[in-house]
Every structure is written in C-alpha cells, then in structure tokens.
Amino acid sequence: MHNFVFIQSDGVGYNSKDFNIVINKKPSLIKPKKDIEHVEVVGRNGSLTIDRKGYFDIPLPYTCTILPSDTCCDCNNTNSIIDNSELINEWLEGSGTLIMSHLPQYEYKVKDVQFEGIDIDGSTGHFEVVFICEPFRYLPLETINLTKGTHEIINPSRLESQPILTVYGTGTVSVVINNKAIKVDNVSEYVTIDSVMFECYEENKNLNNYMTGDYPVFKRGKNIIKLESNGTVEVQWKYK
C-alpha cells in the first residue's frame, strides 16, 4: 500500500499512515517542463525562441481516503476524523520535504501545499492534496570529507548540482573546482560557500564581499577539486 511522508521546514512531519490515510491515486513520474517561450515576430520565418535556462515547478497530486482506526500516530486522540482534522490541516501546509513510497530513494523539495480540507462521509473522509515542488527530485544530502590536496568527485546525475562547500583556514582561503578558482579573504577559522543560496559566510559573518570567483557547480560526471586545507562538501544530486 502506498503512502507519503511530508516533513515541514521546521522539522514537523508525519507519514500518511499515521492518520490511516489510504492512497487512491498517486502522482505520476512527471518530467519537468523547460521555461521556453516562442514569440511570433512579423516578417520572420518561424517563431523567436527564448530559452530562460530553467524549469517550471511540478505538481504532485494525491487523492486520498481516511479510514477509521483506534488511535492516531503517537498522540492520545481517538481516530475521529473531526478530532484529527486540525492536526491534518496544520500538517498539509507550507514548505518542506516530500518522500513518496513508490520512489523512496528520492526527496522532493516542496514549495507549497494545495489542500482545501476533508470531505467527511460518515466515519470516513476524503481529500485531495497537491504538493507544488521544485522541478527535480533529489537524493538525500551527502557529506564528503576532504583533506588538503586534489580530489575527484563523481556527479552520478545528468544534471549539474550546486554544492555547499566548507573550507578551513585563516586569512585568505582558496579552492579550485574544475580549473575555476575561488578565493575568500578575511576568514577567521573557516568559510562556507553555499551555491544553493548564493551565500558566502563564516557562522554569522557575511563574507560575500570578500569572495572572488563564481559559486561552484558540479558538472555531470567527474569533477576535480583542489584544496589548500581540509574541508567538507555537502551536496544533493538531483534528477529529472
């Protein structure tokens, strides 16, 4: 029997099984659509194609039924749908992480949840929920510990991935990834270069103005990283 886990951004999450939810229809494996516009221009043969180099969000819809049971998850409430509706309403909103039982190795990054409530029919309930997600599915966060020197990191995906790189050192810290150099000045103990959020910092100290070079990207396949000191790389490989 299929189920899903939704964990909100603040860490609060449940499995649909906690509420005795039965999945009537699960999402298809949706291919993200590229953000491309075709503009008709007078006097031109064919349209002008504008490729914005991105992808649109994807909707992941579920159709569900809530069946009666004696207890709900680890709380003391009875299974009354009315009793549990407030908790379900609070759960199915906001942003967070979605894990689907038919694709358990991947995580989807949820940006919004479309859920209008529960239709109660006697002792059962019915509802639809749509998770609006980033275009890609991700493997769980992987942390790679690196020592001073040259290392090879393999990106198993066909897509580029944006790492979070932490390098230890003082003064000026340098790193080279795929022959592209990054340098950060005014470092006390370490620097974190976050290619996901486009931020460079040391704890609460903003180092964006002390960074030269582009935020690193791991291309498909082999990536070469050169460090002058120890460091760590956090990355989530992503897939269409």
Protein backbone atom coordinates (compact mmCIF):
# COMPACT_ATOMS: atom_id res chain seq x y z
CA MET A 1 0.00 0.00 0.00
CA HIS A 2 1.37 3.39 -1.00
CA ASN A 3 1.98 6.24 1.42
CA PHE A 4 3.85 9.53 1.63
CA VAL A 5 5.87 11.38 4.23
CA PHE A 6 5.74 15.17 4.40
CA ILE A 7 8.18 16.99 6.68
CA GLN A 8 7.64 20.71 7.09
CA SER A 9 10.56 23.13 7.02
CA ASP A 10 10.53 23.36 10.83
CA GLY A 11 11.06 19.59 11.09
CA VAL A 12 7.48 18.61 11.99
CA GLY A 13 6.34 15.72 9.81
CA TYR A 14 4.12 12.67 9.56
CA ASN A 15 3.61 9.62 7.42
CA SER A 16 0.18 9.42 5.80
CA LYS A 17 -0.18 6.03 7.50
CA ASP A 18 -0.16 7.81 10.88
CA PHE A 19 -3.66 9.04 10.06
CA ASN A 20 -4.86 5.81 8.43
CA ILE A 21 -4.84 7.54 5.06
CA VAL A 22 -5.31 5.28 2.05
CA ILE A 23 -3.89 6.48 -1.26
CA ASN A 24 -6.47 6.12 -4.03
CA LYS A 25 -4.34 7.77 -6.70
CA LYS A 26 -0.66 8.66 -6.52
CA PRO A 27 1.32 11.09 -8.69
CA SER A 28 2.86 10.09 -11.98
CA LEU A 29 6.58 10.50 -12.53
CA ILE A 30 6.35 13.97 -14.01
CA LYS A 31 9.01 15.32 -16.34
CA PRO A 32 9.75 18.98 -15.56
CA LYS A 33 8.95 21.41 -18.34
CA LYS A 34 11.64 23.78 -19.58
CA ASP A 35 10.98 27.51 -19.35
CA ILE A 36 10.93 28.29 -23.04
CA GLU A 37 8.86 30.95 -24.80
CA HIS A 38 8.09 31.04 -28.52
CA VAL A 39 7.38 34.57 -29.78
CA GLU A 40 5.86 35.22 -33.21
CA VAL A 41 7.69 38.04 -34.99
CA VAL A 42 6.22 39.77 -38.06
CA GLY A 43 8.38 39.16 -41.12
CA ARG A 44 10.30 36.30 -39.52
CA ASN A 45 10.11 32.71 -40.67
CA GLY A 46 9.14 30.69 -37.63
CA SER A 47 9.00 31.93 -34.06
CA LEU A 48 11.71 33.53 -31.94
CA THR A 49 12.67 31.07 -29.21
CA ILE A 50 13.61 32.42 -25.79
CA ASP A 51 15.24 29.80 -23.56
CA ARG A 52 15.36 31.06 -19.96
CA LYS A 53 17.64 28.16 -18.96
CA GLY A 54 15.31 26.97 -16.22
CA TYR A 55 12.42 24.62 -15.44
CA PHE A 56 8.92 25.14 -14.09
CA ASP A 57 7.75 23.77 -10.74
CA ILE A 58 5.95 20.41 -10.83
CA PRO A 59 2.64 19.47 -9.14
CA LEU A 60 2.43 16.11 -7.33
CA PRO A 61 -1.26 15.32 -6.62
CA TYR A 62 -2.70 12.69 -4.28
CA THR A 63 -6.31 11.52 -3.97
CA CYS A 64 -6.89 10.03 -0.52
CA THR A 65 -9.38 8.40 1.83
CA ILE A 66 -9.15 8.42 5.63
CA LEU A 67 -10.37 5.18 7.19
CA PRO A 68 -11.39 4.77 10.86
CA SER A 69 -8.92 3.29 13.32
CA ASP A 70 -8.49 3.16 17.09
CA THR A 71 -5.59 5.57 17.51
CA CYS A 72 -3.71 8.22 15.57
CA CYS A 73 0.10 8.15 15.44
CA ASP A 74 1.61 8.69 18.93
CA CYS A 75 -0.98 11.10 20.29
CA ASN A 76 -3.84 10.35 22.69
CA ASN A 77 -6.65 11.47 20.39
CA THR A 78 -9.14 8.94 19.06
CA ASN A 79 -9.25 8.39 15.34
CA SER A 80 -12.26 10.65 14.86
CA ILE A 81 -11.67 12.49 11.62
CA ILE A 82 -13.08 15.64 13.18
CA ASP A 83 -10.65 15.28 16.11
CA ASN A 84 -7.71 14.79 13.78
CA SER A 85 -8.71 17.29 11.10
CA GLU A 86 -6.99 20.20 12.85
CA LEU A 87 -3.71 18.28 13.02
CA ILE A 88 -4.01 17.23 9.37
CA ASN A 89 -4.82 20.83 8.38
CA GLU A 90 -1.70 22.07 10.15
CA TRP A 91 0.39 19.27 8.63
CA LEU A 92 -0.62 19.73 4.99
CA GLU A 93 0.56 23.30 4.52
CA GLY A 94 3.73 25.29 3.99
CA SER A 95 7.02 24.12 2.54
CA GLY A 96 9.26 21.16 3.32
CA THR A 97 10.29 17.74 2.05
CA LEU A 98 8.14 15.07 0.42
CA ILE A 99 9.09 11.38 0.25
CA MET A 100 6.85 9.06 -1.78
CA SER A 101 6.73 5.32 -1.09
CA HIS A 102 6.94 4.41 -4.78
CA LEU A 103 10.17 6.47 -5.11
CA PRO A 104 11.60 6.08 -1.59
CA GLN A 105 15.21 6.86 -2.54
CA TYR A 106 14.37 10.42 -3.60
CA GLU A 107 13.25 13.60 -1.88
CA TYR A 108 11.13 16.35 -3.41
CA LYS A 109 11.52 19.93 -2.20
CA VAL A 110 8.01 21.25 -1.55
CA LYS A 111 7.42 24.98 -2.05
CA ASP A 112 3.68 24.99 -1.29
CA VAL A 113 0.82 22.61 -0.45
CA GLN A 114 -2.63 22.98 -2.01
CA PHE A 115 -5.12 21.38 0.37
CA GLU A 116 -8.69 22.59 0.86
CA GLY A 117 -9.77 20.29 3.68
CA ILE A 118 -11.54 16.98 4.27
CA ASP A 119 -14.94 15.87 2.95
CA ILE A 120 -16.43 13.77 5.76
CA ASP A 121 -18.74 10.91 4.80
CA GLY A 122 -19.88 9.05 7.91
CA SER A 123 -16.82 7.52 9.54
CA THR A 124 -14.52 8.13 6.57
CA GLY A 125 -13.02 11.21 5.00
CA HIS A 126 -11.89 12.12 1.51
CA PHE A 127 -9.49 14.76 0.27
CA GLU A 128 -7.12 15.79 -2.47
CA VAL A 129 -3.73 17.36 -1.87
CA VAL A 130 -1.24 18.76 -4.38
CA PHE A 131 2.39 19.30 -3.44
CA ILE A 132 3.97 22.08 -5.53
CA CYS A 133 7.63 21.08 -5.82
CA GLU A 134 10.88 22.23 -7.31
CA PRO A 135 11.38 20.70 -10.77
CA PHE A 136 13.79 17.97 -9.68
CA ARG A 137 13.97 15.00 -7.32
CA TYR A 138 16.97 14.72 -5.04
CA LEU A 139 18.99 12.03 -3.37
CA PRO A 140 19.45 12.58 0.39
CA LEU A 141 22.10 15.09 1.44
CA GLU A 142 25.59 13.61 1.14
CA THR A 143 28.56 14.91 3.14
CA ILE A 144 32.06 14.33 1.72
CA ASN A 145 35.06 14.98 3.96
CA LEU A 146 38.16 16.21 2.14
CA THR A 147 41.79 16.72 3.13
CA LYS A 148 44.35 19.11 1.70
CA GLY A 149 45.19 18.18 -1.88
CA THR A 150 43.41 17.18 -5.08
CA HIS A 151 40.23 15.09 -5.08
CA GLU A 152 37.83 13.64 -7.64
CA ILE A 153 34.08 13.83 -7.03
CA ILE A 154 31.69 11.99 -9.36
CA ASN A 155 28.29 13.51 -10.06
CA PRO A 156 26.09 10.47 -10.89
CA SER A 157 23.29 12.59 -12.32
CA ARG A 158 22.83 14.01 -15.81
CA LEU A 159 22.21 17.42 -14.22
CA GLU A 160 24.54 19.96 -12.64
CA SER A 161 24.39 20.13 -8.85
CA GLN A 162 25.10 23.04 -6.52
CA PRO A 163 27.29 22.09 -3.52
CA ILE A 164 27.72 23.67 -0.11
CA LEU A 165 31.47 23.83 0.43
CA THR A 166 33.15 24.47 3.81
CA VAL A 167 36.91 25.06 3.84
CA TYR A 168 39.01 25.57 6.99
CA GLY A 169 41.75 28.15 7.26
CA THR A 170 42.61 31.71 8.27
CA GLY A 171 43.20 34.89 6.31
CA THR A 172 42.77 34.04 2.63
CA VAL A 173 41.24 30.66 1.74
CA SER A 174 41.43 29.34 -1.81
CA VAL A 175 39.82 26.43 -3.63
CA VAL A 176 39.85 25.36 -7.28
CA ILE A 177 36.98 23.35 -8.79
CA ASN A 178 37.25 22.20 -12.40
CA ASN A 179 40.04 24.74 -13.01
CA LYS A 180 37.91 27.63 -11.72
CA ALA A 181 39.43 29.40 -8.72
CA ILE A 182 37.52 30.77 -5.73
CA LYS A 183 39.20 32.96 -3.10
CA VAL A 184 37.77 34.32 0.14
CA ASP A 185 39.57 36.88 2.32
CA ASN A 186 39.07 37.85 5.99
CA VAL A 187 38.46 34.27 7.17
CA SER A 188 38.92 33.58 10.91
CA GLU A 189 38.59 29.79 11.10
CA TYR A 190 36.56 28.56 8.12
CA VAL A 191 34.35 29.72 5.28
CA THR A 192 31.16 28.21 3.87
CA ILE A 193 30.42 28.78 0.18
CA ASP A 194 26.76 27.94 -0.41
CA SER A 195 25.96 27.53 -4.11
CA VAL A 196 22.32 26.73 -3.34
CA MET A 197 21.58 30.05 -1.62
CA PHE A 198 24.44 32.04 -3.26
CA GLU A 199 25.86 32.96 0.13
CA CYS A 200 29.42 33.08 1.48
CA TYR A 201 29.76 33.25 5.26
CA GLU A 202 31.52 32.20 8.46
CA GLU A 203 28.94 31.44 11.14
CA ASN A 204 27.04 34.77 11.38
CA LYS A 205 29.64 36.82 9.46
CA ASN A 206 28.73 37.66 5.87
CA LEU A 207 31.72 37.21 3.55
CA ASN A 208 30.01 37.82 0.21
CA ASN A 209 32.06 40.98 -0.40
CA TYR A 210 35.29 39.12 0.37
CA MET A 211 34.72 36.38 -2.20
CA THR A 212 36.12 36.39 -5.72
CA GLY A 213 35.12 33.82 -8.33
CA ASP A 214 31.83 32.14 -9.18
CA TYR A 215 29.83 29.88 -6.91
CA PRO A 216 30.91 26.30 -7.69
CA VAL A 217 28.86 23.84 -9.73
CA PHE A 218 29.44 20.11 -10.06
CA LYS A 219 29.01 19.13 -13.68
CA ARG A 220 27.86 15.70 -14.85
CA GLY A 221 30.50 13.05 -14.30
CA LYS A 222 34.00 13.78 -12.97
CA ASN A 223 34.79 16.94 -11.01
CA ILE A 224 38.25 17.89 -9.75
CA ILE A 225 38.58 19.90 -6.54
CA LYS A 226 41.87 21.25 -5.16
CA LEU A 227 42.10 22.38 -1.53
CA GLU A 228 44.89 24.12 0.36
CA SER A 229 43.43 22.83 3.65
CA ASN A 230 40.80 20.42 4.95
CA GLY A 231 37.14 20.86 4.06
CA THR A 232 33.73 19.29 3.57
CA VAL A 233 31.29 19.20 0.66
CA GLU A 234 27.54 18.82 1.15
CA VAL A 235 25.56 18.06 -1.97
CA GLN A 236 22.22 16.63 -3.07
CA TRP A 237 22.45 15.04 -6.50
CA LYS A 238 19.34 15.90 -8.50
CA TYR A 239 17.41 14.11 -11.24
CA LYS A 240 14.61 14.90 -13.67
